Amino acid sequence: MIAALAPLFRGPLAPYAEALRLQADATARPGSDLTDPDFLTSQMTLFSRRFAQPERRAVASLWMKHHVSAVLTPVLAANLLLGRQMPVALEEIDVLPGPKGIAEALILPQDGTPVSRADPFARFSPLLEGHVAPLVKAVAKASGIAPKVLWSNVGNWFDGLTGEAEAMGAEGVGDARALLALERAPDGTRNPVFAAVRHTAEGRKRRVCCLRYLIPELDLCDTCPLPDPARP
């Protein structure tokens, strides 16, 4: 466990205590390898073995979901709850691959710094631009999935964890909500997590389907925007 993050790992976040590390590991790979087509494809192939009838795009989508949940949850939680920016840009870190194709941990160069409060985009840029954006590009290229599906996965995760952090009294929730509500970044480029989730009387609903319905053995997810049963 990274000592500076110890206050996070109580209650629901306890399972993530080892997802961020500082110690080098002989089996770790450079974080930039996640954008290498051969390595990335090998990881998604390992991941696909859990399904009887894997479909390439659905596997890529679910792989992305699992990646952000497994190793980026404590990164966003540290930002929202502790006001701590973790250095997770792919070129700065190493990644510890797991036997089933999902990273077990990120090996960081240091234990973080205070977050930037200049604007919501600056606050979350090290996570979204440094780690997620190049990964989305690589996964889309390797699998043929539309980048908007992958960004929808990220936006759904970001929105969901923000809600959990709000219930814990996190000071960063306002910036997180502001980010999700802004269609454009300060430089005029499109915000890829803008309005990723609709909050309705029936609960949270994604705007873009994650494609898991393409794997016959899987049910629709709880936030699916498609009608049920959904086999377009």
Protein backbone atom coordinates (compact mmCIF):
# COMPACT_ATOMS: atom_id res chain seq x y z
CA MET A 1 0.00 0.00 0.00
CA ILE A 2 1.17 3.55 -0.76
CA ALA A 3 1.29 5.20 2.68
CA ALA A 4 -0.07 8.54 1.46
CA LEU A 5 -3.19 6.78 0.22
CA ALA A 6 -3.84 4.71 3.35
CA PRO A 7 -6.94 6.74 4.38
CA LEU A 8 -8.66 5.62 1.16
CA PHE A 9 -8.46 1.92 1.73
CA ARG A 10 -11.18 1.44 4.28
CA GLY A 11 -14.64 0.15 3.61
CA PRO A 12 -15.60 -0.21 -0.06
CA LEU A 13 -12.18 0.88 -1.38
CA ALA A 14 -10.21 -1.62 0.71
CA PRO A 15 -9.86 -4.13 -2.19
CA TYR A 16 -7.85 -1.55 -4.16
CA ALA A 17 -5.03 -1.14 -1.63
CA GLU A 18 -2.48 -2.93 -3.82
CA ALA A 19 -3.62 -1.61 -7.20
CA LEU A 20 -1.16 1.30 -7.00
CA ARG A 21 2.42 0.62 -5.94
CA LEU A 22 5.80 2.29 -5.79
CA GLN A 23 8.06 -0.75 -5.66
CA ALA A 24 9.58 -2.02 -8.89
CA ASP A 25 8.55 -5.50 -9.99
CA ALA A 26 10.59 -7.72 -12.29
CA THR A 27 7.49 -8.86 -14.17
CA ALA A 28 6.16 -5.35 -14.80
CA ARG A 29 6.05 -3.86 -18.27
CA PRO A 30 6.41 -0.21 -19.29
CA GLY A 31 3.00 1.46 -19.22
CA SER A 32 3.46 2.46 -22.85
CA ASP A 33 3.31 -1.25 -23.75
CA LEU A 34 -0.46 -0.97 -23.27
CA THR A 35 -0.50 0.91 -26.57
CA ASP A 36 1.67 -1.68 -28.34
CA PRO A 37 -0.65 -3.62 -30.68
CA ASP A 38 0.94 -7.02 -30.04
CA PHE A 39 0.99 -6.73 -26.25
CA LEU A 40 -2.47 -5.19 -26.07
CA THR A 41 -3.93 -7.89 -28.32
CA SER A 42 -2.31 -10.59 -26.20
CA GLN A 43 -3.91 -9.13 -23.08
CA MET A 44 -7.36 -8.93 -24.65
CA THR A 45 -6.97 -12.50 -25.95
CA LEU A 46 -6.24 -13.72 -22.43
CA PHE A 47 -9.23 -11.76 -21.17
CA SER A 48 -11.51 -13.23 -23.87
CA ARG A 49 -10.96 -16.78 -22.62
CA ARG A 50 -13.50 -16.24 -19.84
CA PHE A 51 -16.26 -16.19 -22.47
CA ALA A 52 -17.62 -19.18 -24.38
CA GLN A 53 -18.41 -17.08 -27.44
CA PRO A 54 -16.25 -13.94 -27.38
CA GLU A 55 -16.90 -11.17 -29.88
CA ARG A 56 -13.93 -8.93 -30.67
CA ARG A 57 -15.54 -5.53 -30.10
CA ALA A 58 -17.45 -6.62 -26.99
CA VAL A 59 -14.27 -8.14 -25.55
CA ALA A 60 -12.43 -4.87 -26.14
CA SER A 61 -15.21 -2.90 -24.46
CA LEU A 62 -15.35 -5.16 -21.43
CA TRP A 63 -11.55 -5.24 -21.20
CA MET A 64 -11.58 -1.43 -21.00
CA LYS A 65 -14.27 -1.53 -18.30
CA HIS A 66 -12.24 -3.97 -16.23
CA HIS A 67 -9.00 -2.03 -16.67
CA VAL A 68 -10.36 1.28 -15.44
CA SER A 69 -12.22 -0.38 -12.58
CA ALA A 70 -9.27 -2.50 -11.45
CA VAL A 71 -6.43 0.02 -11.45
CA LEU A 72 -7.86 3.51 -12.04
CA THR A 73 -10.52 3.46 -9.32
CA PRO A 74 -8.00 4.36 -6.58
CA VAL A 75 -6.53 7.04 -8.85
CA LEU A 76 -9.85 8.84 -9.22
CA ALA A 77 -10.75 8.18 -5.58
CA ALA A 78 -7.46 9.74 -4.42
CA ASN A 79 -8.22 12.80 -6.52
CA LEU A 80 -11.79 13.21 -5.26
CA LEU A 81 -11.39 12.21 -1.63
CA LEU A 82 -7.81 13.20 -0.80
CA GLY A 83 -7.17 15.98 -3.31
CA ARG A 84 -4.17 13.98 -4.49
CA GLN A 85 -3.02 13.74 -8.10
CA MET A 86 -1.45 10.39 -8.96
CA PRO A 87 1.10 10.25 -11.80
CA VAL A 88 -0.49 7.67 -14.12
CA ALA A 89 0.42 8.86 -17.62
CA LEU A 90 1.37 5.74 -19.56
CA GLU A 91 4.90 6.95 -20.28
CA GLU A 92 5.52 7.55 -16.55
CA ILE A 93 4.46 4.21 -15.12
CA ASP A 94 4.95 0.47 -15.30
CA VAL A 95 2.06 -1.97 -15.41
CA LEU A 96 1.94 -5.35 -13.70
CA PRO A 97 0.04 -7.73 -16.01
CA GLY A 98 -2.30 -10.30 -14.51
CA PRO A 99 -2.72 -13.90 -15.66
CA LYS A 100 -6.21 -13.22 -17.06
CA GLY A 101 -5.31 -10.22 -19.20
CA ILE A 102 -6.14 -7.42 -16.74
CA ALA A 103 -3.49 -5.35 -15.00
CA GLU A 104 -3.04 -6.22 -11.34
CA ALA A 105 -1.31 -2.96 -10.45
CA LEU A 106 0.25 0.22 -11.73
CA ILE A 107 3.81 0.95 -10.57
CA LEU A 108 4.08 4.70 -10.06
CA PRO A 109 7.21 6.90 -9.99
CA GLN A 110 6.10 8.73 -6.82
CA ASP A 111 3.20 8.98 -4.41
CA GLY A 112 1.38 11.95 -5.91
CA THR A 113 1.00 15.72 -5.56
CA PRO A 114 -1.85 18.12 -4.68
CA VAL A 115 -4.47 18.34 -7.43
CA SER A 116 -4.65 21.31 -9.76
CA ARG A 117 -7.79 23.33 -9.16
CA ALA A 118 -7.39 25.61 -12.18
CA ASP A 119 -10.44 24.05 -13.86
CA PRO A 120 -12.08 20.61 -14.05
CA PHE A 121 -10.13 19.66 -17.17
CA ALA A 122 -6.79 20.47 -15.55
CA ARG A 123 -7.75 18.53 -12.45
CA PHE A 124 -8.51 15.31 -14.30
CA SER A 125 -6.15 15.67 -17.27
CA PRO A 126 -3.32 13.47 -15.88
CA LEU A 127 -5.82 10.62 -15.60
CA LEU A 128 -7.94 11.16 -18.70
CA GLU A 129 -5.38 12.60 -21.12
CA GLY A 130 -2.25 10.93 -19.81
CA HIS A 131 -3.63 7.42 -19.32
CA VAL A 132 -7.10 6.92 -20.76
CA ALA A 133 -6.89 8.82 -24.08
CA PRO A 134 -3.90 6.94 -25.54
CA LEU A 135 -5.34 3.66 -24.28
CA VAL A 136 -8.71 4.32 -25.93
CA LYS A 137 -6.94 5.07 -29.21
CA ALA A 138 -4.89 1.87 -29.02
CA VAL A 139 -7.81 -0.39 -28.04
CA ALA A 140 -9.99 1.03 -30.79
CA LYS A 141 -7.28 0.46 -33.38
CA ALA A 142 -6.58 -3.10 -32.18
CA SER A 143 -10.21 -4.21 -32.05
CA GLY A 144 -12.21 -2.12 -34.49
CA ILE A 145 -14.51 -0.80 -31.77
CA ALA A 146 -15.70 2.81 -31.98
CA PRO A 147 -13.78 5.06 -29.55
CA LYS A 148 -17.09 6.54 -28.35
CA VAL A 149 -18.01 3.15 -26.83
CA LEU A 150 -14.77 3.03 -24.86
CA TRP A 151 -15.16 6.64 -23.71
CA SER A 152 -18.73 5.83 -22.68
CA ASN A 153 -17.35 3.08 -20.46
CA VAL A 154 -14.95 5.56 -18.91
CA GLY A 155 -17.65 8.19 -18.47
CA ASN A 156 -20.01 5.69 -16.85
CA TRP A 157 -17.29 4.60 -14.42
CA PHE A 158 -16.31 8.21 -13.71
CA ASP A 159 -19.93 9.20 -13.04
CA GLY A 160 -20.59 6.16 -10.85
CA LEU A 161 -17.49 6.62 -8.71
CA THR A 162 -18.23 10.33 -8.39
CA GLY A 163 -21.61 9.42 -6.92
CA GLU A 164 -19.99 7.07 -4.43
CA ALA A 165 -17.42 9.72 -3.49
CA GLU A 166 -20.19 12.27 -2.98
CA ALA A 167 -21.79 9.95 -0.43
CA MET A 168 -18.43 9.92 1.38
CA GLY A 169 -18.27 13.72 1.47
CA ALA A 170 -15.53 14.16 -1.14
CA GLU A 171 -14.49 17.73 -1.81
CA GLY A 172 -13.70 17.04 -5.47
CA VAL A 173 -17.22 16.07 -6.50
CA GLY A 174 -18.10 19.56 -7.76
CA ASP A 175 -15.22 19.54 -10.24
CA ALA A 176 -16.09 16.01 -11.34
CA ARG A 177 -19.74 16.93 -11.96
CA ALA A 178 -18.64 20.07 -13.80
CA LEU A 179 -16.38 18.04 -16.06
CA LEU A 180 -19.18 15.66 -16.99
CA ALA A 181 -21.47 18.63 -17.78
CA LEU A 182 -19.05 20.49 -20.09
CA GLU A 183 -19.38 19.69 -23.80
CA ARG A 184 -16.10 21.37 -24.73
CA ALA A 185 -12.68 21.71 -23.18
CA PRO A 186 -11.15 25.20 -22.76
CA ASP A 187 -9.30 24.74 -26.07
CA GLY A 188 -12.56 24.02 -27.90
CA THR A 189 -12.04 20.28 -28.35
CA ARG A 190 -14.89 17.89 -27.59
CA ASN A 191 -15.06 16.50 -24.05
CA PRO A 192 -15.28 12.70 -24.58
CA VAL A 193 -16.96 12.06 -21.22
CA PHE A 194 -19.58 14.79 -21.63
CA ALA A 195 -23.02 13.62 -20.45
CA ALA A 196 -21.98 9.96 -20.59
CA VAL A 197 -24.83 9.05 -18.25
CA ARG A 198 -28.44 10.20 -18.00
CA HIS A 199 -29.87 10.37 -14.49
CA THR A 200 -33.54 9.43 -14.70
CA ALA A 201 -36.31 8.45 -12.32
CA GLU A 202 -35.46 4.84 -13.13
CA GLY A 203 -31.78 5.37 -12.26
CA ARG A 204 -28.55 5.88 -14.17
CA LYS A 205 -28.62 5.10 -17.91
CA ARG A 206 -25.67 5.23 -20.27
CA ARG A 207 -26.08 7.15 -23.52
CA VAL A 208 -23.99 4.66 -25.52
CA CYS A 209 -24.29 0.87 -25.19
CA CYS A 210 -21.15 -1.03 -24.16
CA LEU A 211 -21.91 -3.88 -26.65
CA ARG A 212 -21.81 -6.64 -24.08
CA TYR A 213 -25.01 -8.01 -25.63
CA LEU A 214 -22.79 -9.28 -28.48
CA ILE A 215 -21.58 -12.00 -26.10
CA PRO A 216 -24.60 -14.34 -25.84
CA GLU A 217 -23.90 -15.59 -22.33
CA LEU A 218 -24.00 -12.10 -20.78
CA ASP A 219 -27.04 -10.21 -19.53
CA LEU A 220 -27.46 -6.50 -20.13
CA CYS A 221 -25.67 -4.27 -17.65
CA ASP A 222 -27.61 -2.28 -15.04
CA THR A 223 -27.09 1.02 -16.90
CA CYS A 224 -27.81 -0.29 -20.42
CA PRO A 225 -29.72 2.16 -22.65
CA LEU A 226 -31.17 -0.61 -24.84
CA PRO A 227 -34.59 -2.16 -24.39
CA ASP A 228 -34.73 -5.56 -22.78
CA PRO A 229 -34.38 -8.06 -24.32
CA ALA A 230 -31.89 -6.35 -26.64
CA ARG A 231 -30.57 -8.13 -29.66
CA PRO A 232 -30.64 -5.41 -32.35
